[in-house]
């Protein structure tokens, strides 16, 4: 049988001894009495208590989760994300400008039979920009493909109704 916490109503014959008495009724100075009605002395006292066990346990064994105060958390908005992206972009641009400025040695570049001289930093920047454009084009093609696929699924669902 599981342990449950008992109340004074469970022991009617001892009701007077179980109910807490106020310090003024006991005739003791309130500063010399702890919360249990016993007088305080200089020796440390320890009180052992049993953990609370409800009379009827939760049938599923679930306990409610603590509710977080939503005012304590910062809310992320589109404008906040845009501002963060702008700051990061500016920092990367500064690093790129420093890279280009430090790599001013002229190099000879050959491209489809064309020949020219350009600074090393600018040549690497143009190569990186070309690579980024290729990746963006492939990503855009994939997004268009996925949207077309979803559009076909929605049309098929509408016809099936």
C-alpha atoms as a PDB file:
ATOM      1  CA  UNK A   1       0.000   0.000   0.000  1.00  0.00           C
ATOM      2  CA  UNK A   2       1.512   3.374  -0.980  1.00  0.00           C
ATOM      3  CA  UNK A   3       2.340   5.942   1.686  1.00  0.00           C
ATOM      4  CA  UNK A   4       0.148   9.000   1.759  1.00  0.00           C
ATOM      5  CA  UNK A   5       0.352  12.207   3.713  1.00  0.00           C
ATOM      6  CA  UNK A   6      -1.993  12.265   6.662  1.00  0.00           C
ATOM      7  CA  UNK A   7      -4.007  15.208   7.922  1.00  0.00           C
ATOM      8  CA  UNK A   8      -5.439  15.933  11.389  1.00  0.00           C
ATOM      9  CA  UNK A   9      -8.837  14.728  10.129  1.00  0.00           C
ATOM     10  CA  UNK A  10      -7.369  11.208   9.824  1.00  0.00           C
ATOM     11  CA  UNK A  11      -6.796  11.114  13.619  1.00  0.00           C
ATOM     12  CA  UNK A  12      -9.859  12.608  15.348  1.00  0.00           C
ATOM     13  CA  UNK A  13      -8.770  11.396  18.787  1.00  0.00           C
ATOM     14  CA  UNK A  14      -5.473  13.380  18.534  1.00  0.00           C
ATOM     15  CA  UNK A  15      -6.818  16.453  16.771  1.00  0.00           C
ATOM     16  CA  UNK A  16      -5.790  18.894  19.505  1.00  0.00           C
ATOM     17  CA  UNK A  17      -2.201  17.668  19.607  1.00  0.00           C
ATOM     18  CA  UNK A  18      -1.801  17.666  15.825  1.00  0.00           C
ATOM     19  CA  UNK A  19      -3.057  21.179  15.094  1.00  0.00           C
ATOM     20  CA  UNK A  20      -0.314  23.833  15.289  1.00  0.00           C
ATOM     21  CA  UNK A  21      -0.545  26.272  18.163  1.00  0.00           C
ATOM     22  CA  UNK A  22       0.321  29.908  17.821  1.00  0.00           C
ATOM     23  CA  UNK A  23       3.351  31.181  19.723  1.00  0.00           C
ATOM     24  CA  UNK A  24       1.302  33.649  21.765  1.00  0.00           C
ATOM     25  CA  UNK A  25      -1.050  30.897  22.975  1.00  0.00           C
ATOM     26  CA  UNK A  26       1.871  28.765  24.061  1.00  0.00           C
ATOM     27  CA  UNK A  27       3.172  31.600  26.216  1.00  0.00           C
ATOM     28  CA  UNK A  28       6.624  31.515  24.644  1.00  0.00           C
ATOM     29  CA  UNK A  29       8.529  34.453  23.196  1.00  0.00           C
ATOM     30  CA  UNK A  30       7.934  34.271  19.363  1.00  0.00           C
ATOM     31  CA  UNK A  31      11.619  34.926  18.666  1.00  0.00           C
ATOM     32  CA  UNK A  32      12.551  31.809  20.639  1.00  0.00           C
ATOM     33  CA  UNK A  33      10.137  29.484  18.789  1.00  0.00           C
ATOM     34  CA  UNK A  34      10.677  27.893  15.395  1.00  0.00           C
ATOM     35  CA  UNK A  35       7.911  27.052  12.914  1.00  0.00           C
ATOM     36  CA  UNK A  36       7.238  23.685  14.594  1.00  0.00           C
ATOM     37  CA  UNK A  37       6.314  25.115  17.981  1.00  0.00           C
ATOM     38  CA  UNK A  38       9.513  24.025  19.722  1.00  0.00           C
ATOM     39  CA  UNK A  39      11.816  26.406  21.511  1.00  0.00           C
ATOM     40  CA  UNK A  40      15.106  27.272  19.895  1.00  0.00           C
ATOM     41  CA  UNK A  41      18.403  26.588  21.542  1.00  0.00           C
ATOM     42  CA  UNK A  42      21.991  26.934  20.413  1.00  0.00           C
ATOM     43  CA  UNK A  43      22.291  23.332  19.198  1.00  0.00           C
ATOM     44  CA  UNK A  44      21.446  22.672  15.557  1.00  0.00           C
ATOM     45  CA  UNK A  45      18.293  20.687  14.955  1.00  0.00           C
ATOM     46  CA  UNK A  46      17.398  18.645  11.927  1.00  0.00           C
ATOM     47  CA  UNK A  47      13.920  17.782  10.809  1.00  0.00           C
ATOM     48  CA  UNK A  48      13.376  14.791   8.592  1.00  0.00           C
ATOM     49  CA  UNK A  49      10.384  14.994   6.312  1.00  0.00           C
ATOM     50  CA  UNK A  50       8.983  12.495   3.852  1.00  0.00           C
ATOM     51  CA  UNK A  51       8.421  13.625   0.275  1.00  0.00           C
ATOM     52  CA  UNK A  52       4.847  14.446  -0.685  1.00  0.00           C
ATOM     53  CA  UNK A  53       3.047  11.517  -2.249  1.00  0.00           C
ATOM     54  CA  UNK A  54      -0.451  12.276  -3.563  1.00  0.00           C
ATOM     55  CA  UNK A  55      -3.276  10.059  -2.304  1.00  0.00           C
ATOM     56  CA  UNK A  56      -4.247   9.215  -5.898  1.00  0.00           C
ATOM     57  CA  UNK A  57      -1.220   9.055  -8.189  1.00  0.00           C
ATOM     58  CA  UNK A  58      -1.466  10.391 -11.709  1.00  0.00           C
ATOM     59  CA  UNK A  59      -2.840   7.460 -13.769  1.00  0.00           C
ATOM     60  CA  UNK A  60      -0.422   8.063 -16.641  1.00  0.00           C
ATOM     61  CA  UNK A  61       2.480   9.129 -14.448  1.00  0.00           C
ATOM     62  CA  UNK A  62       2.674  12.505 -16.160  1.00  0.00           C
ATOM     63  CA  UNK A  63       3.585  15.714 -14.423  1.00  0.00           C
ATOM     64  CA  UNK A  64       2.961  19.175 -15.884  1.00  0.00           C
ATOM     65  CA  UNK A  65       5.988  20.892 -17.382  1.00  0.00           C
ATOM     66  CA  UNK A  66       7.044  24.216 -15.888  1.00  0.00           C
ATOM     67  CA  UNK A  67       5.704  27.176 -17.813  1.00  0.00           C
ATOM     68  CA  UNK A  68       8.403  29.504 -19.116  1.00  0.00           C
ATOM     69  CA  UNK A  69       7.768  33.192 -18.863  1.00  0.00           C
ATOM     70  CA  UNK A  70       7.535  34.366 -22.469  1.00  0.00           C
ATOM     71  CA  UNK A  71       8.520  37.911 -21.493  1.00  0.00           C
ATOM     72  CA  UNK A  72      12.005  36.714 -20.459  1.00  0.00           C
ATOM     73  CA  UNK A  73      12.839  35.342 -23.898  1.00  0.00           C
ATOM     74  CA  UNK A  74      13.807  37.606 -26.766  1.00  0.00           C
ATOM     75  CA  UNK A  75      11.608  37.218 -29.817  1.00  0.00           C
ATOM     76  CA  UNK A  76      13.257  36.823 -33.206  1.00  0.00           C
ATOM     77  CA  UNK A  77      11.632  38.870 -35.937  1.00  0.00           C
ATOM     78  CA  UNK A  78      12.336  39.203 -39.635  1.00  0.00           C
ATOM     79  CA  UNK A  79      13.814  42.629 -39.046  1.00  0.00           C
ATOM     80  CA  UNK A  80      16.141  41.279 -36.337  1.00  0.00           C
ATOM     81  CA  UNK A  81      17.324  38.472 -38.626  1.00  0.00           C
ATOM     82  CA  UNK A  82      17.796  40.942 -41.487  1.00  0.00           C
ATOM     83  CA  UNK A  83      19.823  43.246 -39.250  1.00  0.00           C
ATOM     84  CA  UNK A  84      22.008  40.331 -38.108  1.00  0.00           C
ATOM     85  CA  UNK A  85      22.554  39.210 -41.710  1.00  0.00           C
ATOM     86  CA  UNK A  86      23.471  42.782 -42.698  1.00  0.00           C
ATOM     87  CA  UNK A  87      26.048  43.081 -39.916  1.00  0.00           C
ATOM     88  CA  UNK A  88      27.602  39.720 -40.819  1.00  0.00           C
ATOM     89  CA  UNK A  89      27.665  40.683 -44.515  1.00  0.00           C
ATOM     90  CA  UNK A  90      29.417  43.973 -43.767  1.00  0.00           C
ATOM     91  CA  UNK A  91      32.047  42.164 -41.674  1.00  0.00           C
ATOM     92  CA  UNK A  92      32.660  39.646 -44.483  1.00  0.00           C
ATOM     93  CA  UNK A  93      32.903  42.490 -47.009  1.00  0.00           C
ATOM     94  CA  UNK A  94      35.534  44.206 -44.862  1.00  0.00           C
ATOM     95  CA  UNK A  95      37.537  40.962 -44.718  1.00  0.00           C
ATOM     96  CA  UNK A  96      37.224  40.621 -48.510  1.00  0.00           C
ATOM     97  CA  UNK A  97      38.430  44.176 -49.117  1.00  0.00           C
ATOM     98  CA  UNK A  98      41.437  43.556 -46.860  1.00  0.00           C
ATOM     99  CA  UNK A  99      42.184  40.345 -48.788  1.00  0.00           C
ATOM    100  CA  UNK A 100      42.033  42.111 -52.154  1.00  0.00           C
ATOM    101  CA  UNK A 101      44.133  45.039 -50.910  1.00  0.00           C
ATOM    102  CA  UNK A 102      46.858  42.724 -49.585  1.00  0.00           C
ATOM    103  CA  UNK A 103      47.052  40.692 -52.818  1.00  0.00           C
ATOM    104  CA  UNK A 104      47.854  43.359 -55.413  1.00  0.00           C
ATOM    105  CA  UNK A 105      50.546  41.382 -57.264  1.00  0.00           C
ATOM    106  CA  UNK A 106      49.689  41.276 -60.993  1.00  0.00           C
ATOM    107  CA  UNK A 107      49.015  37.836 -62.493  1.00  0.00           C
ATOM    108  CA  UNK A 108      48.436  36.730 -66.066  1.00  0.00           C
ATOM    109  CA  UNK A 109      44.998  35.189 -66.563  1.00  0.00           C
ATOM    110  CA  UNK A 110      43.971  33.024 -69.530  1.00  0.00           C
ATOM    111  CA  UNK A 111      40.261  32.425 -70.173  1.00  0.00           C
ATOM    112  CA  UNK A 112      38.926  30.878 -73.404  1.00  0.00           C
ATOM    113  CA  UNK A 113      41.856  32.174 -75.391  1.00  0.00           C
ATOM    114  CA  UNK A 114      41.716  35.631 -73.837  1.00  0.00           C
ATOM    115  CA  UNK A 115      44.841  36.792 -72.099  1.00  0.00           C
ATOM    116  CA  UNK A 116      45.147  39.606 -69.560  1.00  0.00           C
ATOM    117  CA  UNK A 117      46.810  40.842 -66.419  1.00  0.00           C
ATOM    118  CA  UNK A 118      44.862  41.460 -63.249  1.00  0.00           C
ATOM    119  CA  UNK A 119      45.698  41.664 -59.543  1.00  0.00           C
ATOM    120  CA  UNK A 120      45.749  38.340 -57.695  1.00  0.00           C
ATOM    121  CA  UNK A 121      43.111  39.415 -55.133  1.00  0.00           C
ATOM    122  CA  UNK A 122      40.691  40.587 -57.818  1.00  0.00           C
ATOM    123  CA  UNK A 123      41.238  37.390 -59.860  1.00  0.00           C
ATOM    124  CA  UNK A 124      40.441  35.212 -56.840  1.00  0.00           C
ATOM    125  CA  UNK A 125      37.395  37.361 -56.018  1.00  0.00           C
ATOM    126  CA  UNK A 126      36.068  36.971 -59.569  1.00  0.00           C
ATOM    127  CA  UNK A 127      36.624  33.188 -59.386  1.00  0.00           C
ATOM    128  CA  UNK A 128      34.782  32.968 -56.048  1.00  0.00           C
ATOM    129  CA  UNK A 129      31.940  35.109 -57.397  1.00  0.00           C
ATOM    130  CA  UNK A 130      31.653  32.830 -60.455  1.00  0.00           C
ATOM    131  CA  UNK A 131      31.484  29.770 -58.196  1.00  0.00           C
ATOM    132  CA  UNK A 132      28.804  31.393 -56.044  1.00  0.00           C
ATOM    133  CA  UNK A 133      26.724  32.170 -59.163  1.00  0.00           C
ATOM    134  CA  UNK A 134      26.945  28.537 -60.318  1.00  0.00           C
ATOM    135  CA  UNK A 135      25.820  27.275 -56.889  1.00  0.00           C
ATOM    136  CA  UNK A 136      22.966  29.828 -56.797  1.00  0.00           C
ATOM    137  CA  UNK A 137      21.783  28.767 -60.272  1.00  0.00           C
ATOM    138  CA  UNK A 138      21.748  25.080 -59.263  1.00  0.00           C
ATOM    139  CA  UNK A 139      19.883  25.920 -56.033  1.00  0.00           C
ATOM    140  CA  UNK A 140      17.310  28.010 -57.896  1.00  0.00           C
ATOM    141  CA  UNK A 141      16.744  25.183 -60.380  1.00  0.00           C
ATOM    142  CA  UNK A 142      16.123  22.747 -57.511  1.00  0.00           C
ATOM    143  CA  UNK A 143      13.669  25.124 -55.808  1.00  0.00           C
ATOM    144  CA  UNK A 144      11.759  25.543 -59.079  1.00  0.00           C
ATOM    145  CA  UNK A 145      11.685  21.749 -59.491  1.00  0.00           C
ATOM    146  CA  UNK A 146      10.310  21.217 -55.951  1.00  0.00           C
ATOM    147  CA  UNK A 147       7.645  23.917 -56.391  1.00  0.00           C
ATOM    148  CA  UNK A 148       6.491  22.333 -59.655  1.00  0.00           C
ATOM    149  CA  UNK A 149       6.288  18.936 -57.933  1.00  0.00           C
ATOM    150  CA  UNK A 150       4.179  20.385 -55.098  1.00  0.00           C
ATOM    151  CA  UNK A 151       1.915  22.143 -57.586  1.00  0.00           C
ATOM    152  CA  UNK A 152       1.294  18.824 -59.370  1.00  0.00           C
ATOM    153  CA  UNK A 153       0.475  17.108 -56.045  1.00  0.00           C
ATOM    154  CA  UNK A 154      -2.037  19.827 -55.114  1.00  0.00           C
ATOM    155  CA  UNK A 155      -3.715  19.611 -58.521  1.00  0.00           C
ATOM    156  CA  UNK A 156      -3.963  15.819 -58.184  1.00  0.00           C
ATOM    157  CA  UNK A 157      -5.509  16.181 -54.702  1.00  0.00           C
ATOM    158  CA  UNK A 158      -8.094  18.673 -56.010  1.00  0.00           C
ATOM    159  CA  UNK A 159      -9.093  16.328 -58.830  1.00  0.00           C
ATOM    160  CA  UNK A 160      -9.350  13.402 -56.399  1.00  0.00           C
ATOM    161  CA  UNK A 161     -11.990  15.137 -54.250  1.00  0.00           C
END
